[in-house]
Structure formats: structure tokens, C-alpha cells
Amino acid sequence: MEPLRKALIVGAVRGVGAGVGSALFVLVTPGEQQKQAILKEIPEQDPQRRDEAARTKQLLLATLQEAAATQENVAWRKNWMSGGGGGRSA
């Protein structure tokens, strides 16, 4: 009888814990309006930021293509931003 009682108590405690966890999850999860507000504030929503990210990706790709086309270790250059077509001009 004692093991059954102990199993019921353990099950009840787990059930209460799951209920409290679910209630906290529901309370903390943002609503639809709050989700939309958060999405509007994401930096990638700004057109200028998107253009900057695209330009950065283009520069990175150009640098990788240059590194792949040469036997030189471009990481050991003194001024690795210049040379070839992969660097930014100041």
C-alpha cells in the first residue's frame, strides 16, 4: 500500500509542476500585437540595414573568391583589407 501511496504523491507533484509550468508559459508568451511590434523593431526590417548587410555579404564573397583564386595566404597580409578587389576603401 505504501508504494502505491508514494506513486500517487509523486504523480500529483509532477502534475502540479506541469500545471504551474504551463501557466507560467502562457503568462510569459507575448500576444499577437506584441509579436508584431517586436518584428517591426528587428534591424533587418530597416531597408538601409538590409542594403548594408547585402553589401557586407558581397564583400565577403569577393574576398573568399579572391582567396580561392590565389595561392597566397590572404590572412597573413599586412593590410588584408587592401589588395585585389576585396577590400573597402576608407
C-alpha atoms as a PDB file:
ATOM      1  CA  MET A   1       0.000   0.000   0.000  1.00  0.00           C
ATOM      2  CA  GLU A   2       2.879   2.340   0.775  1.00  0.00           C
ATOM      3  CA  PRO A   3       4.414   2.171  -2.754  1.00  0.00           C
ATOM      4  CA  LEU A   4       1.022   2.990  -4.287  1.00  0.00           C
ATOM      5  CA  ARG A   5       0.600   5.990  -1.978  1.00  0.00           C
ATOM      6  CA  LYS A   6       4.103   7.195  -2.798  1.00  0.00           C
ATOM      7  CA  ALA A   7       3.477   6.785  -6.543  1.00  0.00           C
ATOM      8  CA  LEU A   8       0.244   8.798  -6.285  1.00  0.00           C
ATOM      9  CA  ILE A   9       2.025  11.578  -4.389  1.00  0.00           C
ATOM     10  CA  VAL A  10       4.836  11.680  -6.961  1.00  0.00           C
ATOM     11  CA  GLY A  11       2.286  11.776  -9.787  1.00  0.00           C
ATOM     12  CA  ALA A  12       0.349  14.578  -8.092  1.00  0.00           C
ATOM     13  CA  VAL A  13       3.512  16.632  -7.537  1.00  0.00           C
ATOM     14  CA  ARG A  14       4.539  16.173 -11.178  1.00  0.00           C
ATOM     15  CA  GLY A  15       1.048  17.147 -12.326  1.00  0.00           C
ATOM     16  CA  VAL A  16       1.086  20.299 -10.209  1.00  0.00           C
ATOM     17  CA  GLY A  17       4.575  21.141 -11.522  1.00  0.00           C
ATOM     18  CA  ALA A  18       3.441  20.674 -15.121  1.00  0.00           C
ATOM     19  CA  GLY A  19       0.371  22.825 -14.467  1.00  0.00           C
ATOM     20  CA  VAL A  20       2.430  25.623 -12.914  1.00  0.00           C
ATOM     21  CA  GLY A  21       4.938  25.444 -15.784  1.00  0.00           C
ATOM     22  CA  SER A  22       2.178  25.616 -18.396  1.00  0.00           C
ATOM     23  CA  ALA A  23       0.529  28.558 -16.632  1.00  0.00           C
ATOM     24  CA  LEU A  24       3.836  30.444 -16.499  1.00  0.00           C
ATOM     25  CA  PHE A  25       4.462  29.734 -20.179  1.00  0.00           C
ATOM     26  CA  VAL A  26       1.054  31.155 -21.098  1.00  0.00           C
ATOM     27  CA  LEU A  27       1.666  34.250 -18.958  1.00  0.00           C
ATOM     28  CA  VAL A  28       5.130  34.930 -20.406  1.00  0.00           C
ATOM     29  CA  THR A  29       4.365  34.271 -24.099  1.00  0.00           C
ATOM     30  CA  PRO A  30       3.714  37.583 -25.913  1.00  0.00           C
ATOM     31  CA  GLY A  31       0.392  38.218 -27.610  1.00  0.00           C
ATOM     32  CA  GLU A  32      -0.075  38.723 -31.345  1.00  0.00           C
ATOM     33  CA  GLN A  33       0.107  42.536 -31.158  1.00  0.00           C
ATOM     34  CA  GLN A  34       3.287  42.373 -29.101  1.00  0.00           C
ATOM     35  CA  LYS A  35       4.809  39.916 -31.605  1.00  0.00           C
ATOM     36  CA  GLN A  36       4.054  42.317 -34.459  1.00  0.00           C
ATOM     37  CA  ALA A  37       5.648  45.204 -32.521  1.00  0.00           C
ATOM     38  CA  ILE A  38       8.768  43.120 -31.882  1.00  0.00           C
ATOM     39  CA  LEU A  39       9.015  42.158 -35.566  1.00  0.00           C
ATOM     40  CA  LYS A  40       8.836  45.819 -36.614  1.00  0.00           C
ATOM     41  CA  GLU A  41      11.864  46.603 -34.434  1.00  0.00           C
ATOM     42  CA  ILE A  42      14.088  43.898 -35.937  1.00  0.00           C
ATOM     43  CA  PRO A  43      17.095  45.553 -37.628  1.00  0.00           C
ATOM     44  CA  GLU A  44      16.591  43.562 -40.836  1.00  0.00           C
ATOM     45  CA  GLN A  45      13.271  45.356 -41.372  1.00  0.00           C
ATOM     46  CA  ASP A  46      15.136  48.637 -41.990  1.00  0.00           C
ATOM     47  CA  PRO A  47      15.911  48.989 -45.748  1.00  0.00           C
ATOM     48  CA  GLN A  48      19.228  50.743 -45.086  1.00  0.00           C
ATOM     49  CA  ARG A  49      20.299  47.932 -42.758  1.00  0.00           C
ATOM     50  CA  ARG A  50      19.297  45.310 -45.355  1.00  0.00           C
ATOM     51  CA  ASP A  51      21.343  47.083 -48.042  1.00  0.00           C
ATOM     52  CA  GLU A  52      24.326  47.292 -45.699  1.00  0.00           C
ATOM     53  CA  ALA A  53      24.062  43.573 -44.896  1.00  0.00           C
ATOM     54  CA  ALA A  54      23.839  42.727 -48.616  1.00  0.00           C
ATOM     55  CA  ARG A  55      26.940  44.846 -49.338  1.00  0.00           C
ATOM     56  CA  THR A  56      28.829  43.166 -46.494  1.00  0.00           C
ATOM     57  CA  LYS A  57      27.930  39.747 -47.896  1.00  0.00           C
ATOM     58  CA  GLN A  58      29.113  40.828 -51.360  1.00  0.00           C
ATOM     59  CA  LEU A  59      32.451  41.985 -49.932  1.00  0.00           C
ATOM     60  CA  LEU A  60      32.859  38.737 -48.028  1.00  0.00           C
ATOM     61  CA  LEU A  61      32.064  36.674 -51.115  1.00  0.00           C
ATOM     62  CA  ALA A  62      34.523  38.692 -53.222  1.00  0.00           C
ATOM     63  CA  THR A  63      37.232  38.165 -50.593  1.00  0.00           C
ATOM     64  CA  LEU A  64      36.563  34.426 -50.476  1.00  0.00           C
ATOM     65  CA  GLN A  65      36.620  34.187 -54.271  1.00  0.00           C
ATOM     66  CA  GLU A  66      39.925  36.070 -54.379  1.00  0.00           C
ATOM     67  CA  ALA A  67      41.395  33.807 -51.712  1.00  0.00           C
ATOM     68  CA  ALA A  68      40.266  30.734 -53.636  1.00  0.00           C
ATOM     69  CA  ALA A  69      41.815  32.011 -56.872  1.00  0.00           C
ATOM     70  CA  THR A  70      45.297  32.599 -55.451  1.00  0.00           C
ATOM     71  CA  GLN A  71      47.942  30.529 -53.706  1.00  0.00           C
ATOM     72  CA  GLU A  72      48.761  33.456 -51.399  1.00  0.00           C
ATOM     73  CA  ASN A  73      47.584  33.193 -47.802  1.00  0.00           C
ATOM     74  CA  VAL A  74      45.439  36.318 -47.684  1.00  0.00           C
ATOM     75  CA  ALA A  75      45.060  36.057 -43.895  1.00  0.00           C
ATOM     76  CA  TRP A  76      48.768  36.880 -43.462  1.00  0.00           C
ATOM     77  CA  ARG A  77      48.704  40.137 -45.427  1.00  0.00           C
ATOM     78  CA  LYS A  78      49.842  43.226 -43.512  1.00  0.00           C
ATOM     79  CA  ASN A  79      46.829  45.165 -44.761  1.00  0.00           C
ATOM     80  CA  TRP A  80      44.399  42.423 -45.722  1.00  0.00           C
ATOM     81  CA  MET A  81      41.595  44.890 -46.462  1.00  0.00           C
ATOM     82  CA  SER A  82      43.507  46.183 -49.485  1.00  0.00           C
ATOM     83  CA  GLY A  83      44.899  44.295 -52.410  1.00  0.00           C
ATOM     84  CA  GLY A  84      42.845  42.783 -55.133  1.00  0.00           C
ATOM     85  CA  GLY A  85      39.209  43.764 -55.274  1.00  0.00           C
ATOM     86  CA  GLY A  86      38.001  42.535 -51.914  1.00  0.00           C
ATOM     87  CA  GLY A  87      38.673  45.418 -49.549  1.00  0.00           C
ATOM     88  CA  ARG A  88      36.740  48.505 -48.608  1.00  0.00           C
ATOM     89  CA  SER A  89      38.140  51.927 -49.377  1.00  0.00           C
ATOM     90  CA  ALA A  90      38.366  54.360 -46.464  1.00  0.00           C
END
